[in-house]
Amino acid sequence: MSEPWAQPHLERAHEIAEDLHSVVELLDELIVDHLREAVANEYQGRPELDKRMQSARRAVEKAARLLDQ
């Protein structure tokens, strides 16, 4: 970007993207733990909470990618 006044905003956007990447990692851990519990409890099918967490993870990942551009 050629506008020098935009640089601080770009830097802040990159910082937020890094935070969002951390949230993606936390969601990954939560999803794996949830699925392990479902398997341990002999849950049949895909848990509804897993669907919502996966959707949230994809949305956060997309936001991070957009800010990284």
PDB file of N, CA and C in Angstrom:
ATOM      1  N   MET A   1       0.862  -1.171   0.000  1.00  0.00           N
ATOM      2  CA  MET A   1       0.000   0.000   0.000  1.00  0.00           C
ATOM      3  C   MET A   1       0.902   1.226   0.000  1.00  0.00           C
ATOM      4  N   SER A   2       0.585   2.202  -0.814  1.00  0.00           N
ATOM      5  CA  SER A   2       1.459   3.353  -0.970  1.00  0.00           C
ATOM      6  C   SER A   2       1.163   4.484   0.014  1.00  0.00           C
ATOM      7  N   GLU A   3       0.056   4.436   0.702  1.00  0.00           N
ATOM      8  CA  GLU A   3      -0.290   5.520   1.627  1.00  0.00           C
ATOM      9  C   GLU A   3       0.464   5.347   2.943  1.00  0.00           C
ATOM     10  N   PRO A   4       1.385   6.264   3.256  1.00  0.00           N
ATOM     11  CA  PRO A   4       2.162   6.115   4.495  1.00  0.00           C
ATOM     12  C   PRO A   4       1.298   6.180   5.753  1.00  0.00           C
ATOM     13  N   TRP A   5       0.186   6.892   5.689  1.00  0.00           N
ATOM     14  CA  TRP A   5      -0.690   7.001   6.858  1.00  0.00           C
ATOM     15  C   TRP A   5      -1.390   5.686   7.174  1.00  0.00           C
ATOM     16  N   ALA A   6      -1.399   4.755   6.221  1.00  0.00           N
ATOM     17  CA  ALA A   6      -2.079   3.473   6.439  1.00  0.00           C
ATOM     18  C   ALA A   6      -1.200   2.462   7.165  1.00  0.00           C
ATOM     19  N   GLN A   7       0.113   2.684   7.210  1.00  0.00           N
ATOM     20  CA  GLN A   7       1.036   1.706   7.781  1.00  0.00           C
ATOM     21  C   GLN A   7       0.682   1.292   9.213  1.00  0.00           C
ATOM     22  N   PRO A   8       0.389   2.216  10.124  1.00  0.00           N
ATOM     23  CA  PRO A   8       0.036   1.774  11.490  1.00  0.00           C
ATOM     24  C   PRO A   8      -1.200   0.871  11.515  1.00  0.00           C
ATOM     25  N   HIS A   9      -2.132   1.134  10.627  1.00  0.00           N
ATOM     26  CA  HIS A   9      -3.345   0.317  10.569  1.00  0.00           C
ATOM     27  C   HIS A   9      -3.035  -1.069  10.018  1.00  0.00           C
ATOM     28  N   LEU A  10      -2.142  -1.130   9.041  1.00  0.00           N
ATOM     29  CA  LEU A  10      -1.726  -2.425   8.504  1.00  0.00           C
ATOM     30  C   LEU A  10      -1.007  -3.249   9.566  1.00  0.00           C
ATOM     31  N   GLU A  11      -0.162  -2.582  10.340  1.00  0.00           N
ATOM     32  CA  GLU A  11       0.555  -3.279  11.411  1.00  0.00           C
ATOM     33  C   GLU A  11      -0.421  -3.815  12.450  1.00  0.00           C
ATOM     34  N   ARG A  12      -1.401  -3.013  12.818  1.00  0.00           N
ATOM     35  CA  ARG A  12      -2.400  -3.451  13.803  1.00  0.00           C
ATOM     36  C   ARG A  12      -3.235  -4.594  13.239  1.00  0.00           C
ATOM     37  N   ALA A  13      -3.582  -4.526  11.968  1.00  0.00           N
ATOM     38  CA  ALA A  13      -4.340  -5.613  11.339  1.00  0.00           C
ATOM     39  C   ALA A  13      -3.532  -6.907  11.380  1.00  0.00           C
ATOM     40  N   HIS A  14      -2.223  -6.804  11.154  1.00  0.00           N
ATOM     41  CA  HIS A  14      -1.369  -7.992  11.214  1.00  0.00           C
ATOM     42  C   HIS A  14      -1.334  -8.555  12.641  1.00  0.00           C
ATOM     43  N   GLU A  15      -1.263  -7.686  13.639  1.00  0.00           N
ATOM     44  CA  GLU A  15      -1.283  -8.138  15.042  1.00  0.00           C
ATOM     45  C   GLU A  15      -2.592  -8.869  15.355  1.00  0.00           C
ATOM     46  N   ILE A  16      -3.693  -8.326  14.890  1.00  0.00           N
ATOM     47  CA  ILE A  16      -4.992  -8.967  15.118  1.00  0.00           C
ATOM     48  C   ILE A  16      -5.038 -10.315  14.404  1.00  0.00           C
ATOM     49  N   ALA A  17      -4.482 -10.378  13.198  1.00  0.00           N
ATOM     50  CA  ALA A  17      -4.433 -11.648  12.464  1.00  0.00           C
ATOM     51  C   ALA A  17      -3.659 -12.694  13.261  1.00  0.00           C
ATOM     52  N   GLU A  18      -2.553 -12.297  13.881  1.00  0.00           N
ATOM     53  CA  GLU A  18      -1.786 -13.225  14.714  1.00  0.00           C
ATOM     54  C   GLU A  18      -2.633 -13.721  15.882  1.00  0.00           C
ATOM     55  N   ASP A  19      -3.380 -12.812  16.506  1.00  0.00           N
ATOM     56  CA  ASP A  19      -4.274 -13.213  17.598  1.00  0.00           C
ATOM     57  C   ASP A  19      -5.328 -14.202  17.098  1.00  0.00           C
ATOM     58  N   LEU A  20      -5.855 -13.949  15.924  1.00  0.00           N
ATOM     59  CA  LEU A  20      -6.867 -14.848  15.363  1.00  0.00           C
ATOM     60  C   LEU A  20      -6.282 -16.223  15.055  1.00  0.00           C
ATOM     61  N   HIS A  21      -5.034 -16.262  14.593  1.00  0.00           N
ATOM     62  CA  HIS A  21      -4.383 -17.559  14.365  1.00  0.00           C
ATOM     63  C   HIS A  21      -4.279 -18.332  15.686  1.00  0.00           C
ATOM     64  N   SER A  22      -4.037 -17.628  16.782  1.00  0.00           N
ATOM     65  CA  SER A  22      -4.002 -18.274  18.101  1.00  0.00           C
ATOM     66  C   SER A  22      -5.374 -18.819  18.477  1.00  0.00           C
ATOM     67  N   VAL A  23      -6.414 -18.086  18.153  1.00  0.00           N
ATOM     68  CA  VAL A  23      -7.779 -18.548  18.427  1.00  0.00           C
ATOM     69  C   VAL A  23      -8.075 -19.810  17.613  1.00  0.00           C
ATOM     70  N   VAL A  24      -7.602 -19.856  16.373  1.00  0.00           N
ATOM     71  CA  VAL A  24      -7.785 -21.055  15.545  1.00  0.00           C
ATOM     72  C   VAL A  24      -7.136 -22.254  16.225  1.00  0.00           C
ATOM     73  N   GLU A  25      -5.929 -22.064  16.754  1.00  0.00           N
ATOM     74  CA  GLU A  25      -5.243 -23.159  17.449  1.00  0.00           C
ATOM     75  C   GLU A  25      -6.023 -23.608  18.685  1.00  0.00           C
ATOM     76  N   LEU A  26      -6.571 -22.657  19.430  1.00  0.00           N
ATOM     77  CA  LEU A  26      -7.376 -23.004  20.606  1.00  0.00           C
ATOM     78  C   LEU A  26      -8.624 -23.783  20.200  1.00  0.00           C
ATOM     79  N   LEU A  27      -9.263 -23.353  19.130  1.00  0.00           N
ATOM     80  CA  LEU A  27     -10.444 -24.074  18.647  1.00  0.00           C
ATOM     81  C   LEU A  27     -10.073 -25.476  18.184  1.00  0.00           C
ATOM     82  N   ASP A  28      -8.921 -25.620  17.538  1.00  0.00           N
ATOM     83  CA  ASP A  28      -8.456 -26.955  17.129  1.00  0.00           C
ATOM     84  C   ASP A  28      -8.345 -27.877  18.338  1.00  0.00           C
ATOM     85  N   GLU A  29      -7.730 -27.368  19.401  1.00  0.00           N
ATOM     86  CA  GLU A  29      -7.575 -28.167  20.628  1.00  0.00           C
ATOM     87  C   GLU A  29      -8.935 -28.530  21.214  1.00  0.00           C
ATOM     88  N   LEU A  30      -9.827 -27.564  21.257  1.00  0.00           N
ATOM     89  CA  LEU A  30     -11.160 -27.795  21.810  1.00  0.00           C
ATOM     90  C   LEU A  30     -11.924 -28.827  20.983  1.00  0.00           C
ATOM     91  N   ILE A  31     -11.818 -28.726  19.677  1.00  0.00           N
ATOM     92  CA  ILE A  31     -12.507 -29.668  18.788  1.00  0.00           C
ATOM     93  C   ILE A  31     -11.990 -31.080  19.006  1.00  0.00           C
ATOM     94  N   VAL A  32     -10.673 -31.236  19.054  1.00  0.00           N
ATOM     95  CA  VAL A  32     -10.088 -32.564  19.257  1.00  0.00           C
ATOM     96  C   VAL A  32     -10.517 -33.128  20.608  1.00  0.00           C
ATOM     97  N   ASP A  33     -10.459 -32.317  21.656  1.00  0.00           N
ATOM     98  CA  ASP A  33     -10.881 -32.780  22.985  1.00  0.00           C
ATOM     99  C   ASP A  33     -12.348 -33.198  22.979  1.00  0.00           C
ATOM    100  N   HIS A  34     -13.182 -32.399  22.332  1.00  0.00           N
ATOM    101  CA  HIS A  34     -14.616 -32.703  22.276  1.00  0.00           C
ATOM    102  C   HIS A  34     -14.869 -34.024  21.544  1.00  0.00           C
ATOM    103  N   LEU A  35     -14.172 -34.219  20.419  1.00  0.00           N
ATOM    104  CA  LEU A  35     -14.356 -35.462  19.664  1.00  0.00           C
ATOM    105  C   LEU A  35     -13.828 -36.670  20.432  1.00  0.00           C
ATOM    106  N   ARG A  36     -12.737 -36.494  21.163  1.00  0.00           N
ATOM    107  CA  ARG A  36     -12.232 -37.590  22.003  1.00  0.00           C
ATOM    108  C   ARG A  36     -13.266 -37.992  23.047  1.00  0.00           C
ATOM    109  N   GLU A  37     -13.879 -36.996  23.665  1.00  0.00           N
ATOM    110  CA  GLU A  37     -14.918 -37.268  24.662  1.00  0.00           C
ATOM    111  C   GLU A  37     -16.111 -37.973  24.022  1.00  0.00           C
ATOM    112  N   ALA A  38     -16.478 -37.538  22.831  1.00  0.00           N
ATOM    113  CA  ALA A  38     -17.604 -38.171  22.134  1.00  0.00           C
ATOM    114  C   ALA A  38     -17.299 -39.636  21.854  1.00  0.00           C
ATOM    115  N   VAL A  39     -16.084 -39.921  21.393  1.00  0.00           N
ATOM    116  CA  VAL A  39     -15.687 -41.308  21.119  1.00  0.00           C
ATOM    117  C   VAL A  39     -15.647 -42.110  22.413  1.00  0.00           C
ATOM    118  N   ALA A  40     -15.075 -41.527  23.464  1.00  0.00           N
ATOM    119  CA  ALA A  40     -14.978 -42.219  24.749  1.00  0.00           C
ATOM    120  C   ALA A  40     -16.356 -42.555  25.313  1.00  0.00           C
ATOM    121  N   ASN A  41     -17.333 -41.711  25.011  1.00  0.00           N
ATOM    122  CA  ASN A  41     -18.699 -41.940  25.491  1.00  0.00           C
ATOM    123  C   ASN A  41     -19.562 -42.657  24.462  1.00  0.00           C
ATOM    124  N   GLU A  42     -18.909 -43.206  23.444  1.00  0.00           N
ATOM    125  CA  GLU A  42     -19.569 -43.994  22.399  1.00  0.00           C
ATOM    126  C   GLU A  42     -20.700 -43.236  21.707  1.00  0.00           C
ATOM    127  N   TYR A  43     -20.478 -41.949  21.507  1.00  0.00           N
ATOM    128  CA  TYR A  43     -21.461 -41.128  20.801  1.00  0.00           C
ATOM    129  C   TYR A  43     -21.513 -41.572  19.348  1.00  0.00           C
ATOM    130  N   GLN A  44     -22.702 -41.706  18.814  1.00  0.00           N
ATOM    131  CA  GLN A  44     -22.894 -42.114  17.418  1.00  0.00           C
ATOM    132  C   GLN A  44     -23.123 -40.874  16.554  1.00  0.00           C
ATOM    133  N   GLY A  45     -22.437 -40.793  15.441  1.00  0.00           N
ATOM    134  CA  GLY A  45     -22.608 -39.661  14.538  1.00  0.00           C
ATOM    135  C   GLY A  45     -21.687 -38.516  14.901  1.00  0.00           C
ATOM    136  N   ARG A  46     -21.920 -37.413  14.243  1.00  0.00           N
ATOM    137  CA  ARG A  46     -21.113 -36.216  14.475  1.00  0.00           C
ATOM    138  C   ARG A  46     -21.835 -35.308  15.464  1.00  0.00           C
ATOM    139  N   PRO A  47     -21.181 -34.954  16.569  1.00  0.00           N
ATOM    140  CA  PRO A  47     -21.826 -34.085  17.556  1.00  0.00           C
ATOM    141  C   PRO A  47     -22.174 -32.709  16.964  1.00  0.00           C
ATOM    142  N   GLU A  48     -23.320 -32.199  17.333  1.00  0.00           N
ATOM    143  CA  GLU A  48     -23.760 -30.890  16.850  1.00  0.00           C
ATOM    144  C   GLU A  48     -22.765 -29.794  17.242  1.00  0.00           C
ATOM    145  N   LEU A  49     -22.228 -29.876  18.450  1.00  0.00           N
ATOM    146  CA  LEU A  49     -21.265 -28.868  18.894  1.00  0.00           C
ATOM    147  C   LEU A  49     -20.032 -28.869  17.996  1.00  0.00           C
ATOM    148  N   ASP A  50     -19.622 -30.036  17.523  1.00  0.00           N
ATOM    149  CA  ASP A  50     -18.476 -30.105  16.614  1.00  0.00           C
ATOM    150  C   ASP A  50     -18.753 -29.314  15.346  1.00  0.00           C
ATOM    151  N   LYS A  51     -19.947 -29.433  14.818  1.00  0.00           N
ATOM    152  CA  LYS A  51     -20.309 -28.697  13.604  1.00  0.00           C
ATOM    153  C   LYS A  51     -20.186 -27.190  13.825  1.00  0.00           C
ATOM    154  N   ARG A  52     -20.684 -26.723  14.959  1.00  0.00           N
ATOM    155  CA  ARG A  52     -20.626 -25.284  15.255  1.00  0.00           C
ATOM    156  C   ARG A  52     -19.194 -24.826  15.474  1.00  0.00           C
ATOM    157  N   MET A  53     -18.410 -25.627  16.196  1.00  0.00           N
ATOM    158  CA  MET A  53     -17.018 -25.243  16.451  1.00  0.00           C
ATOM    159  C   MET A  53     -16.207 -25.231  15.156  1.00  0.00           C
ATOM    160  N   GLN A  54     -16.455 -26.198  14.278  1.00  0.00           N
ATOM    161  CA  GLN A  54     -15.746 -26.232  12.991  1.00  0.00           C
ATOM    162  C   GLN A  54     -16.115 -25.008  12.149  1.00  0.00           C
ATOM    163  N   SER A  55     -17.378 -24.649  12.173  1.00  0.00           N
ATOM    164  CA  SER A  55     -17.828 -23.475  11.429  1.00  0.00           C
ATOM    165  C   SER A  55     -17.177 -22.203  11.979  1.00  0.00           C
ATOM    166  N   ALA A  56     -17.137 -22.084  13.294  1.00  0.00           N
ATOM    167  CA  ALA A  56     -16.493 -20.933  13.929  1.00  0.00           C
ATOM    168  C   ALA A  56     -15.011 -20.896  13.586  1.00  0.00           C
ATOM    169  N   ARG A  57     -14.367 -22.061  13.606  1.00  0.00           N
ATOM    170  CA  ARG A  57     -12.942 -22.139  13.288  1.00  0.00           C
ATOM    171  C   ARG A  57     -12.687 -21.643  11.866  1.00  0.00           C
ATOM    172  N   ARG A  58     -13.506 -22.093  10.921  1.00  0.00           N
ATOM    173  CA  ARG A  58     -13.336 -21.661   9.533  1.00  0.00           C
ATOM    174  C   ARG A  58     -13.525 -20.148   9.394  1.00  0.00           C
ATOM    175  N   ALA A  59     -14.498 -19.598  10.111  1.00  0.00           N
ATOM    176  CA  ALA A  59     -14.755 -18.157  10.042  1.00  0.00           C
ATOM    177  C   ALA A  59     -13.579 -17.362  10.605  1.00  0.00           C
ATOM    178  N   VAL A  60     -13.034 -17.810  11.727  1.00  0.00           N
ATOM    179  CA  VAL A  60     -11.895 -17.119  12.335  1.00  0.00           C
ATOM    180  C   VAL A  60     -10.672 -17.233  11.425  1.00  0.00           C
ATOM    181  N   GLU A  61     -10.474 -18.421  10.853  1.00  0.00           N
ATOM    182  CA  GLU A  61      -9.348 -18.628   9.940  1.00  0.00           C
ATOM    183  C   GLU A  61      -9.471 -17.713   8.711  1.00  0.00           C
ATOM    184  N   LYS A  62     -10.674 -17.582   8.191  1.00  0.00           N
ATOM    185  CA  LYS A  62     -10.897 -16.705   7.037  1.00  0.00           C
ATOM    186  C   LYS A  62     -10.602 -15.251   7.402  1.00  0.00           C
ATOM    187  N   ALA A  63     -11.054 -14.820   8.575  1.00  0.00           N
ATOM    188  CA  ALA A  63     -10.788 -13.451   9.021  1.00  0.00           C
ATOM    189  C   ALA A  63      -9.287 -13.206   9.142  1.00  0.00           C
ATOM    190  N   ALA A  64      -8.566 -14.169   9.685  1.00  0.00           N
ATOM    191  CA  ALA A  64      -7.111 -14.029   9.821  1.00  0.00           C
ATOM    192  C   ALA A  64      -6.458 -13.904   8.446  1.00  0.00           C
ATOM    193  N   ARG A  65      -6.886 -14.729   7.504  1.00  0.00           N
ATOM    194  CA  ARG A  65      -6.318 -14.669   6.144  1.00  0.00           C
ATOM    195  C   ARG A  65      -6.584 -13.312   5.496  1.00  0.00           C
ATOM    196  N   LEU A  66      -7.791 -12.798   5.675  1.00  0.00           N
ATOM    197  CA  LEU A  66      -8.132 -11.502   5.087  1.00  0.00           C
ATOM    198  C   LEU A  66      -7.262 -10.385   5.658  1.00  0.00           C
ATOM    199  N   LEU A  67      -7.000 -10.437   6.945  1.00  0.00           N
ATOM    200  CA  LEU A  67      -6.171  -9.405   7.572  1.00  0.00           C
ATOM    201  C   LEU A  67      -4.698  -9.562   7.219  1.00  0.00           C
ATOM    202  N   ASP A  68      -4.278 -10.771   6.880  1.00  0.00           N
ATOM    203  CA  ASP A  68      -2.880 -11.021   6.513  1.00  0.00           C
ATOM    204  C   ASP A  68      -2.548 -10.530   5.102  1.00  0.00           C
ATOM    205  N   GLN A  69      -3.554 -10.258   4.297  1.00  0.00           N
ATOM    206  CA  GLN A  69      -3.303  -9.862   2.895  1.00  0.00           C
ATOM    207  C   GLN A  69      -2.641  -8.511   2.811  1.00  0.00           C
TER     208      GLN A  69
END
